[in-house]
C-alpha atoms as a PDB file:
ATOM      1  CA  UNK A   1      -9.786   3.894  52.286  1.00  0.00           C
ATOM      2  CA  UNK A   2     -10.105   7.311  51.208  1.00  0.00           C
ATOM      3  CA  UNK A   3      -6.318   7.301  49.974  1.00  0.00           C
ATOM      4  CA  UNK A   4      -6.873   4.371  47.586  1.00  0.00           C
ATOM      5  CA  UNK A   5     -10.038   6.035  46.301  1.00  0.00           C
ATOM      6  CA  UNK A   6      -7.658   9.062  45.185  1.00  0.00           C
ATOM      7  CA  UNK A   7      -4.935   6.798  43.889  1.00  0.00           C
ATOM      8  CA  UNK A   8      -7.748   5.316  41.447  1.00  0.00           C
ATOM      9  CA  UNK A   9      -9.045   8.896  40.572  1.00  0.00           C
ATOM     10  CA  UNK A  10      -5.358  10.716  39.757  1.00  0.00           C
ATOM     11  CA  UNK A  11      -4.708   7.234  37.817  1.00  0.00           C
ATOM     12  CA  UNK A  12      -7.985   7.701  35.962  1.00  0.00           C
ATOM     13  CA  UNK A  13      -7.192  11.328  35.312  1.00  0.00           C
ATOM     14  CA  UNK A  14      -3.548  11.044  34.095  1.00  0.00           C
ATOM     15  CA  UNK A  15      -4.269   7.784  32.014  1.00  0.00           C
ATOM     16  CA  UNK A  16      -5.384   9.224  28.550  1.00  0.00           C
ATOM     17  CA  UNK A  17      -7.637  12.568  27.631  1.00  0.00           C
ATOM     18  CA  UNK A  18     -11.025  11.270  25.884  1.00  0.00           C
ATOM     19  CA  UNK A  19     -10.925  14.112  23.449  1.00  0.00           C
ATOM     20  CA  UNK A  20      -7.355  14.300  22.073  1.00  0.00           C
ATOM     21  CA  UNK A  21      -6.255  10.680  22.802  1.00  0.00           C
ATOM     22  CA  UNK A  22      -2.959  11.829  23.930  1.00  0.00           C
ATOM     23  CA  UNK A  23      -1.269  10.280  26.881  1.00  0.00           C
ATOM     24  CA  UNK A  24      -1.082  12.786  29.555  1.00  0.00           C
ATOM     25  CA  UNK A  25       0.631  11.235  32.401  1.00  0.00           C
ATOM     26  CA  UNK A  26       1.774   7.810  31.562  1.00  0.00           C
ATOM     27  CA  UNK A  27       5.333   8.326  30.927  1.00  0.00           C
ATOM     28  CA  UNK A  28       5.545  12.145  30.843  1.00  0.00           C
ATOM     29  CA  UNK A  29       5.989  12.543  27.365  1.00  0.00           C
ATOM     30  CA  UNK A  30       4.190  14.460  24.720  1.00  0.00           C
ATOM     31  CA  UNK A  31       2.922  13.077  21.629  1.00  0.00           C
ATOM     32  CA  UNK A  32       5.869  14.499  19.591  1.00  0.00           C
ATOM     33  CA  UNK A  33       8.104  13.064  21.630  1.00  0.00           C
ATOM     34  CA  UNK A  34       7.114   9.412  21.008  1.00  0.00           C
ATOM     35  CA  UNK A  35       9.206   7.171  19.446  1.00  0.00           C
ATOM     36  CA  UNK A  36       8.398   5.778  15.839  1.00  0.00           C
ATOM     37  CA  UNK A  37       7.632   2.222  17.017  1.00  0.00           C
ATOM     38  CA  UNK A  38       4.980   3.669  19.271  1.00  0.00           C
ATOM     39  CA  UNK A  39       3.319   5.778  16.398  1.00  0.00           C
ATOM     40  CA  UNK A  40       2.991   2.626  14.295  1.00  0.00           C
ATOM     41  CA  UNK A  41       1.201   0.885  17.242  1.00  0.00           C
ATOM     42  CA  UNK A  42      -1.042   3.717  18.207  1.00  0.00           C
ATOM     43  CA  UNK A  43      -2.296   4.719  14.731  1.00  0.00           C
ATOM     44  CA  UNK A  44      -3.894   1.391  14.180  1.00  0.00           C
ATOM     45  CA  UNK A  45      -2.877  -1.821  11.945  1.00  0.00           C
ATOM     46  CA  UNK A  46      -0.264  -2.059   9.420  1.00  0.00           C
ATOM     47  CA  UNK A  47      -2.921  -3.247   6.881  1.00  0.00           C
ATOM     48  CA  UNK A  48      -5.704  -1.553   5.612  1.00  0.00           C
ATOM     49  CA  UNK A  49      -8.596  -3.074   3.442  1.00  0.00           C
ATOM     50  CA  UNK A  50      -9.483   0.574   2.365  1.00  0.00           C
ATOM     51  CA  UNK A  51      -5.925   1.336   1.147  1.00  0.00           C
ATOM     52  CA  UNK A  52      -5.858  -2.118  -0.521  1.00  0.00           C
ATOM     53  CA  UNK A  53      -8.759  -1.073  -2.920  1.00  0.00           C
ATOM     54  CA  UNK A  54      -7.412   2.182  -3.508  1.00  0.00           C
ATOM     55  CA  UNK A  55      -3.777   0.276  -4.337  1.00  0.00           C
ATOM     56  CA  UNK A  56      -5.943  -1.894  -6.577  1.00  0.00           C
ATOM     57  CA  UNK A  57      -7.562   0.831  -8.378  1.00  0.00           C
ATOM     58  CA  UNK A  58      -4.305   2.767  -8.809  1.00  0.00           C
ATOM     59  CA  UNK A  59      -2.453  -0.202 -10.370  1.00  0.00           C
ATOM     60  CA  UNK A  60      -5.354  -1.672 -12.127  1.00  0.00           C
ATOM     61  CA  UNK A  61      -6.362   1.685 -13.627  1.00  0.00           C
ATOM     62  CA  UNK A  62      -2.546   1.875 -14.460  1.00  0.00           C
ATOM     63  CA  UNK A  63      -2.617  -1.355 -16.408  1.00  0.00           C
ATOM     64  CA  UNK A  64      -5.774  -0.332 -18.253  1.00  0.00           C
ATOM     65  CA  UNK A  65      -4.201   3.034 -19.162  1.00  0.00           C
ATOM     66  CA  UNK A  66      -0.960   1.180 -20.188  1.00  0.00           C
ATOM     67  CA  UNK A  67      -3.040  -1.138 -22.251  1.00  0.00           C
ATOM     68  CA  UNK A  68      -4.566   1.932 -24.361  1.00  0.00           C
ATOM     69  CA  UNK A  69      -1.148   2.524 -25.899  1.00  0.00           C
ATOM     70  CA  UNK A  70      -1.239   0.855 -29.283  1.00  0.00           C
ATOM     71  CA  UNK A  71       1.625  -1.122 -31.109  1.00  0.00           C
ATOM     72  CA  UNK A  72       4.265  -0.989 -28.115  1.00  0.00           C
ATOM     73  CA  UNK A  73       4.314  -4.360 -26.230  1.00  0.00           C
ATOM     74  CA  UNK A  74       4.197  -4.559 -22.207  1.00  0.00           C
ATOM     75  CA  UNK A  75       2.475  -1.174 -21.847  1.00  0.00           C
ATOM     76  CA  UNK A  76      -0.068  -2.814 -20.050  1.00  0.00           C
ATOM     77  CA  UNK A  77       2.463  -4.283 -17.395  1.00  0.00           C
ATOM     78  CA  UNK A  78       4.145  -0.921 -17.448  1.00  0.00           C
ATOM     79  CA  UNK A  79       1.377   0.929 -16.580  1.00  0.00           C
ATOM     80  CA  UNK A  80       1.274  -0.892 -13.057  1.00  0.00           C
ATOM     81  CA  UNK A  81       4.047   0.638 -11.630  1.00  0.00           C
ATOM     82  CA  UNK A  82       2.909   3.881 -13.053  1.00  0.00           C
ATOM     83  CA  UNK A  83      -0.140   3.294 -11.216  1.00  0.00           C
ATOM     84  CA  UNK A  84       1.672   2.613  -7.773  1.00  0.00           C
ATOM     85  CA  UNK A  85       3.932   5.742  -8.447  1.00  0.00           C
ATOM     86  CA  UNK A  86       0.769   8.070  -8.388  1.00  0.00           C
ATOM     87  CA  UNK A  87      -0.723   6.096  -5.435  1.00  0.00           C
ATOM     88  CA  UNK A  88       2.469   6.967  -3.570  1.00  0.00           C
ATOM     89  CA  UNK A  89       2.568  10.313  -4.719  1.00  0.00           C
ATOM     90  CA  UNK A  90      -0.689  10.726  -3.516  1.00  0.00           C
ATOM     91  CA  UNK A  91      -1.147   9.091  -0.058  1.00  0.00           C
ATOM     92  CA  UNK A  92       0.224  10.395   2.943  1.00  0.00           C
ATOM     93  CA  UNK A  93       0.887   7.147   4.643  1.00  0.00           C
ATOM     94  CA  UNK A  94       3.226   4.149   3.939  1.00  0.00           C
ATOM     95  CA  UNK A  95       1.245   1.786   2.040  1.00  0.00           C
ATOM     96  CA  UNK A  96       3.799  -0.701   1.003  1.00  0.00           C
ATOM     97  CA  UNK A  97       1.945  -4.038   2.022  1.00  0.00           C
ATOM     98  CA  UNK A  98      -1.338  -2.937  -0.012  1.00  0.00           C
ATOM     99  CA  UNK A  99       0.663  -1.472  -3.093  1.00  0.00           C
ATOM    100  CA  UNK A 100       3.018  -4.666  -3.321  1.00  0.00           C
ATOM    101  CA  UNK A 101      -0.188  -7.194  -3.014  1.00  0.00           C
ATOM    102  CA  UNK A 102      -2.387  -5.107  -5.568  1.00  0.00           C
ATOM    103  CA  UNK A 103       0.575  -4.917  -8.011  1.00  0.00           C
ATOM    104  CA  UNK A 104       1.436  -8.633  -7.548  1.00  0.00           C
ATOM    105  CA  UNK A 105      -2.455  -9.822  -8.153  1.00  0.00           C
ATOM    106  CA  UNK A 106      -2.911  -7.402 -11.011  1.00  0.00           C
ATOM    107  CA  UNK A 107       0.179  -8.267 -12.759  1.00  0.00           C
ATOM    108  CA  UNK A 108      -0.271 -12.040 -12.550  1.00  0.00           C
ATOM    109  CA  UNK A 109      -3.989 -12.235 -12.913  1.00  0.00           C
ATOM    110  CA  UNK A 110      -3.530  -9.737 -16.018  1.00  0.00           C
ATOM    111  CA  UNK A 111      -0.867 -11.590 -17.543  1.00  0.00           C
ATOM    112  CA  UNK A 112      -2.719 -15.171 -17.276  1.00  0.00           C
ATOM    113  CA  UNK A 113      -5.894 -13.709 -18.538  1.00  0.00           C
ATOM    114  CA  UNK A 114      -3.877 -12.082 -21.442  1.00  0.00           C
ATOM    115  CA  UNK A 115      -1.925 -15.259 -22.551  1.00  0.00           C
ATOM    116  CA  UNK A 116      -4.976 -17.663 -22.040  1.00  0.00           C
ATOM    117  CA  UNK A 117      -7.079 -14.905 -24.233  1.00  0.00           C
ATOM    118  CA  UNK A 118      -4.665 -15.046 -27.142  1.00  0.00           C
ATOM    119  CA  UNK A 119      -4.534 -18.863 -26.969  1.00  0.00           C
ATOM    120  CA  UNK A 120      -8.350 -18.863 -27.177  1.00  0.00           C
ATOM    121  CA  UNK A 121      -8.398 -16.465 -30.041  1.00  0.00           C
ATOM    122  CA  UNK A 122      -6.049 -18.591 -31.903  1.00  0.00           C
ATOM    123  CA  UNK A 123      -7.916 -21.841 -31.101  1.00  0.00           C
ATOM    124  CA  UNK A 124      -5.194 -23.566 -29.320  1.00  0.00           C
ATOM    125  CA  UNK A 125      -5.805 -25.489 -26.179  1.00  0.00           C
ATOM    126  CA  UNK A 126      -3.852 -23.962 -23.460  1.00  0.00           C
ATOM    127  CA  UNK A 127      -2.970 -27.364 -21.607  1.00  0.00           C
ATOM    128  CA  UNK A 128       0.745 -26.757 -22.389  1.00  0.00           C
ATOM    129  CA  UNK A 129       1.042 -23.401 -20.722  1.00  0.00           C
ATOM    130  CA  UNK A 130       2.089 -23.511 -17.218  1.00  0.00           C
ATOM    131  CA  UNK A 131      -0.224 -20.725 -16.102  1.00  0.00           C
ATOM    132  CA  UNK A 132       1.096 -21.265 -12.198  1.00  0.00           C
ATOM    133  CA  UNK A 133       4.627 -20.492 -13.116  1.00  0.00           C
ATOM    134  CA  UNK A 134       3.476 -17.745 -15.357  1.00  0.00           C
ATOM    135  CA  UNK A 135       1.283 -16.029 -12.772  1.00  0.00           C
ATOM    136  CA  UNK A 136       4.134 -16.541 -10.033  1.00  0.00           C
ATOM    137  CA  UNK A 137       6.747 -14.699 -12.520  1.00  0.00           C
ATOM    138  CA  UNK A 138       4.494 -12.084 -13.362  1.00  0.00           C
ATOM    139  CA  UNK A 139       3.184 -11.542  -9.783  1.00  0.00           C
ATOM    140  CA  UNK A 140       6.614 -11.496  -8.712  1.00  0.00           C
ATOM    141  CA  UNK A 141       7.655  -8.736 -11.020  1.00  0.00           C
ATOM    142  CA  UNK A 142       4.528  -6.875 -10.684  1.00  0.00           C
ATOM    143  CA  UNK A 143       5.428  -6.892  -6.467  1.00  0.00           C
ATOM    144  CA  UNK A 144       8.802  -5.657  -7.085  1.00  0.00           C
ATOM    145  CA  UNK A 145       7.865  -2.664  -9.871  1.00  0.00           C
ATOM    146  CA  UNK A 146       5.020  -1.426  -7.768  1.00  0.00           C
ATOM    147  CA  UNK A 147       6.936  -1.528  -4.369  1.00  0.00           C
ATOM    148  CA  UNK A 148       9.941   0.462  -6.060  1.00  0.00           C
ATOM    149  CA  UNK A 149       7.485   2.628  -7.921  1.00  0.00           C
ATOM    150  CA  UNK A 150       5.662   3.472  -4.412  1.00  0.00           C
ATOM    151  CA  UNK A 151       8.723   4.176  -2.914  1.00  0.00           C
ATOM    152  CA  UNK A 152       9.697   6.843  -5.378  1.00  0.00           C
ATOM    153  CA  UNK A 153       6.184   8.316  -5.491  1.00  0.00           C
ATOM    154  CA  UNK A 154       6.632   8.676  -1.700  1.00  0.00           C
ATOM    155  CA  UNK A 155       9.960  10.251  -1.892  1.00  0.00           C
ATOM    156  CA  UNK A 156       8.804  12.540  -4.602  1.00  0.00           C
ATOM    157  CA  UNK A 157       5.803  13.693  -2.148  1.00  0.00           C
ATOM    158  CA  UNK A 158       8.348  14.239   0.648  1.00  0.00           C
ATOM    159  CA  UNK A 159      10.562  16.127  -1.526  1.00  0.00           C
ATOM    160  CA  UNK A 160       7.756  18.542  -2.869  1.00  0.00           C
ATOM    161  CA  UNK A 161       6.122  19.048   0.448  1.00  0.00           C
ATOM    162  CA  UNK A 162       9.218  19.663   2.352  1.00  0.00           C
ATOM    163  CA  UNK A 163      10.175  23.089   3.765  1.00  0.00           C
ATOM    164  CA  UNK A 164      12.989  25.007   1.946  1.00  0.00           C
ATOM    165  CA  UNK A 165      14.744  26.287   5.207  1.00  0.00           C
END
């Protein structure tokens, strides 16, 4: 009976350290020897609502800043990848899902609202414009542009923060 109690005590002592959260006796490895898949699983989920809000702020802010440039067409849509680039430059984690979702939605909604507001100003009924197709095309372009820009922002960040030795 006392042997079983000792085994349980040893198992409880070697599973995790409550202060650090590092597996002390599980597989004999340290936190630095973990595989990348284990790190992704231990760090939490792949999607963060907070990161999505920041991605919306970055891409939406880029779209607003781009729309402030007068005379040049499509600067509002060019602001979306600029915002995603800055977000990738500033964040320390990979947030491709959040950035792609935010870039696609901002581009799609912004384009549809822009087209319908122009039609309303001209007094033309918007019944002939395919809003669904327009949204899908703009969202796809915004998604791809924001993902590529986020990648280049992260790449620049890793290049700026790398050791020179």
